[in-house]
Amino acid sequence: DYLSKKEAIRDNAVIMLIKFLITLEPSEILLAGIDGYSHEVEQNYTEPNLILYTKSSVLDAMNAGLNYELEILSKQIRISFLTKSKYIKI
């Protein structure tokens, strides 16, 4: 039940966490650091040794999937960003 229907983000941890939190019935969910995925791949990681190089089209699909899921989830619960999100809009 927690997996996304969008293949590009099927097992995205943030989406799965939000879906789980909704079952706990909070009044609001606050997000920080959910910036989306940059084409400048180094910006997506804090540790250089963790960098996985990914095609821009895959990153775009991941951003679109996050936008899609967050849009749907925001109809079930108020979702706010504590930090400005560069690629994600809801």
Protein backbone atom coordinates (compact mmCIF):
# COMPACT_ATOMS: atom_id res chain seq x y z
CA ASP A 1 0.00 0.00 0.00
CA TYR A 2 2.93 2.35 0.56
CA LEU A 3 4.53 1.95 -2.88
CA SER A 4 3.98 4.54 -5.60
CA LYS A 5 2.14 3.68 -8.79
CA LYS A 6 4.77 5.74 -10.62
CA GLU A 7 7.59 3.38 -11.57
CA ALA A 8 10.33 6.04 -11.38
CA ILE A 9 9.69 6.49 -7.64
CA ARG A 10 8.01 3.18 -6.84
CA ASP A 11 9.92 2.68 -3.57
CA ASN A 12 10.68 6.32 -2.72
CA ALA A 13 11.25 6.52 1.03
CA VAL A 14 9.62 9.94 1.44
CA ILE A 15 6.42 8.90 -0.31
CA MET A 16 6.26 5.67 1.68
CA LEU A 17 6.84 7.56 4.93
CA ILE A 18 4.10 10.09 4.16
CA LYS A 19 1.65 7.28 3.36
CA PHE A 20 2.54 5.61 6.64
CA LEU A 21 2.23 8.86 8.61
CA ILE A 22 -1.24 9.45 7.15
CA THR A 23 -2.37 6.22 8.85
CA LEU A 24 -1.37 7.82 12.18
CA GLU A 25 -3.71 10.75 11.42
CA PRO A 26 -1.47 13.75 12.11
CA SER A 27 -2.93 17.20 11.41
CA GLU A 28 -0.03 18.18 9.10
CA ILE A 29 3.21 16.84 7.67
CA LEU A 30 6.23 19.14 7.44
CA LEU A 31 8.97 18.27 4.97
CA ALA A 32 12.57 19.46 4.90
CA GLY A 33 15.22 18.71 2.31
CA ILE A 34 12.82 17.28 -0.27
CA ASP A 35 14.31 19.34 -3.06
CA GLY A 36 13.79 16.97 -5.94
CA TYR A 37 16.53 15.73 -8.23
CA SER A 38 18.98 18.03 -10.02
CA HIS A 39 20.56 17.30 -13.41
CA GLU A 40 23.82 18.27 -11.70
CA VAL A 41 23.98 14.89 -9.99
CA GLU A 42 26.57 15.99 -7.41
CA GLN A 43 23.91 18.27 -5.89
CA ASN A 44 21.75 15.25 -5.08
CA TYR A 45 24.24 13.80 -2.59
CA THR A 46 26.03 15.00 0.51
CA GLU A 47 28.72 12.33 0.29
CA PRO A 48 30.76 12.15 -2.94
CA ASN A 49 31.34 8.40 -2.59
CA LEU A 50 27.54 7.80 -2.73
CA ILE A 51 26.98 9.52 -6.08
CA LEU A 52 25.10 7.47 -8.65
CA TYR A 53 25.13 8.97 -12.11
CA THR A 54 21.67 8.91 -13.65
CA LYS A 55 20.29 10.06 -17.00
CA SER A 56 18.51 13.42 -16.97
CA SER A 57 15.35 11.79 -18.32
CA VAL A 58 15.27 9.46 -15.30
CA LEU A 59 15.74 12.39 -12.91
CA ASP A 60 12.93 14.26 -14.68
CA ALA A 61 10.66 11.22 -14.33
CA MET A 62 11.50 11.02 -10.63
CA ASN A 63 10.65 14.71 -10.13
CA ALA A 64 7.40 14.29 -12.07
CA GLY A 65 6.54 11.24 -9.96
CA LEU A 66 7.22 13.10 -6.72
CA ASN A 67 5.07 16.01 -7.87
CA TYR A 68 2.28 13.62 -8.83
CA GLU A 69 2.33 11.71 -5.54
CA LEU A 70 2.66 14.80 -3.36
CA GLU A 71 -0.24 16.43 -5.20
CA ILE A 72 -2.46 13.41 -4.46
CA LEU A 73 -1.27 13.05 -0.86
CA SER A 74 -1.74 16.77 -0.19
CA LYS A 75 -5.47 16.24 -0.80
CA GLN A 76 -5.52 13.81 2.13
CA ILE A 77 -3.42 15.85 4.55
CA ARG A 78 -1.81 19.27 4.69
CA ILE A 79 1.81 18.99 3.54
CA SER A 80 4.17 21.93 4.01
CA PHE A 81 7.83 22.47 3.17
CA LEU A 82 10.15 23.84 5.84
CA THR A 83 12.86 24.31 3.23
CA LYS A 84 12.32 25.67 -0.25
CA SER A 85 11.97 22.96 -2.85
CA LYS A 86 13.64 23.71 -6.18
CA TYR A 87 11.96 21.04 -8.31
CA ILE A 88 8.90 19.93 -6.36
CA LYS A 89 5.72 21.99 -6.49
CA ILE A 90 2.45 21.22 -4.74
